[in-house]
Amino acid sequence: MKRTTETHRMDWNGMLLEITYEPQWMPARIVGEEIAHLQVRSIYPTDAPLPIARQGYYSNALPASIIAAAGGPVAYVDVMLAAEGGP
C-alpha cells in the first residue's frame, strides 16, 4: 500500500496552522476500518499554544471516516478548535 500525506494550511485567530493528514495511516485489515493520522501545529507564531493541545502541536490517530464526515482535515480541525474554545 502506498502511503500518501496531505499538507494544508489554515489561518485561525491570527495564527497560521499547518495540518498534515495521512488518510491511510493504518489499513483496514488491521483494526477493521481505515485509521488516519492527523497532525496540527502552529507555524506562525511558532509553536503557539492551541486549545486542542498543551503545546503548539497536536497529533492523533483516528478513524478516517470521522475526518471524511467532517468534510476533510481542514474542516475537522476547524470544528475541533471551535469546540475547544475558539471563536
Protein backbone atom coordinates (compact mmCIF):
# COMPACT_ATOMS: atom_id res chain seq x y z
CA MET A 1 0.00 0.00 0.00
CA LYS A 2 1.37 3.38 -0.99
CA ARG A 3 1.07 5.92 1.82
CA THR A 4 0.05 9.44 0.92
CA THR A 5 0.24 12.55 3.02
CA GLU A 6 -1.68 15.78 2.52
CA THR A 7 -0.46 19.11 3.87
CA HIS A 8 -2.84 22.02 4.38
CA ARG A 9 -2.51 25.46 5.93
CA MET A 10 -5.21 27.49 7.56
CA ASP A 11 -5.47 30.81 9.34
CA TRP A 12 -7.09 30.54 12.75
CA ASN A 13 -7.37 33.53 15.09
CA GLY A 14 -4.34 35.19 13.50
CA MET A 15 -2.24 32.03 13.72
CA LEU A 16 -1.03 30.11 10.70
CA LEU A 17 -1.58 26.40 11.27
CA GLU A 18 -0.15 23.52 9.30
CA ILE A 19 -2.30 20.40 9.08
CA THR A 20 -0.69 17.15 7.98
CA TYR A 21 -3.09 14.33 7.17
CA GLU A 22 -2.31 10.75 6.26
CA PRO A 23 -5.68 9.16 5.35
CA GLN A 24 -4.47 5.55 5.22
CA TRP A 25 -2.04 5.54 8.12
CA MET A 26 -3.17 2.08 9.26
CA PRO A 27 -5.02 -0.19 6.81
CA ALA A 28 -8.50 -1.53 7.49
CA ARG A 29 -7.25 -5.11 7.67
CA ILE A 30 -5.54 -4.31 10.97
CA VAL A 31 -8.48 -2.90 13.01
CA GLY A 32 -11.50 -3.23 10.74
CA GLU A 33 -11.54 0.32 9.36
CA GLU A 34 -9.06 2.80 7.91
CA ILE A 35 -7.17 4.73 10.57
CA ALA A 36 -5.86 8.17 9.64
CA HIS A 37 -3.13 10.22 11.26
CA LEU A 38 -3.68 13.95 11.82
CA GLN A 39 -1.11 16.48 12.98
CA VAL A 40 -1.69 20.17 13.62
CA ARG A 41 0.98 22.66 14.55
CA SER A 42 1.28 26.39 14.77
CA ILE A 43 3.87 27.65 12.31
CA TYR A 44 3.24 31.35 12.96
CA PRO A 45 3.74 32.21 15.68
CA THR A 46 6.00 29.21 16.05
CA ASP A 47 4.66 26.61 18.47
CA ALA A 48 1.90 28.87 19.82
CA PRO A 49 -0.41 27.03 22.24
CA LEU A 50 -3.55 25.53 20.71
CA PRO A 51 -6.79 24.81 22.59
CA ILE A 52 -6.64 21.22 21.30
CA ALA A 53 -3.12 20.58 22.68
CA ARG A 54 -0.93 21.61 25.57
CA GLN A 55 1.72 22.93 23.23
CA GLY A 56 1.63 24.25 19.68
CA TYR A 57 1.42 20.71 18.32
CA TYR A 58 -1.39 18.13 18.12
CA SER A 59 -1.05 14.57 16.83
CA ASN A 60 -3.66 11.82 16.84
CA ALA A 61 -4.69 8.63 15.05
CA LEU A 62 -8.42 8.29 14.47
CA PRO A 63 -10.90 6.64 12.10
CA ALA A 64 -10.65 8.16 8.61
CA SER A 65 -14.45 8.12 8.44
CA ILE A 66 -14.60 10.86 11.11
CA ILE A 67 -12.41 13.15 9.01
CA ALA A 68 -14.45 12.41 5.88
CA ALA A 69 -17.75 13.06 7.71
CA ALA A 70 -16.47 16.46 8.83
CA GLY A 71 -15.64 17.43 5.24
CA GLY A 72 -11.89 16.78 5.28
CA PRO A 73 -8.95 17.51 7.56
CA VAL A 74 -9.21 21.32 7.48
CA ALA A 75 -12.93 21.27 8.30
CA TYR A 76 -12.32 18.72 11.07
CA VAL A 77 -9.60 20.87 12.67
CA ASP A 78 -11.79 23.96 12.38
CA VAL A 79 -14.60 22.17 14.26
CA MET A 80 -12.19 20.85 16.90
CA LEU A 81 -10.75 24.31 17.52
CA ALA A 82 -14.20 25.88 17.76
CA ALA A 83 -15.38 23.17 20.16
CA GLU A 84 -12.38 23.63 22.45
CA GLY A 85 -12.75 27.33 22.98
CA GLY A 86 -12.09 29.10 19.72
CA PRO A 87 -14.46 31.57 18.10
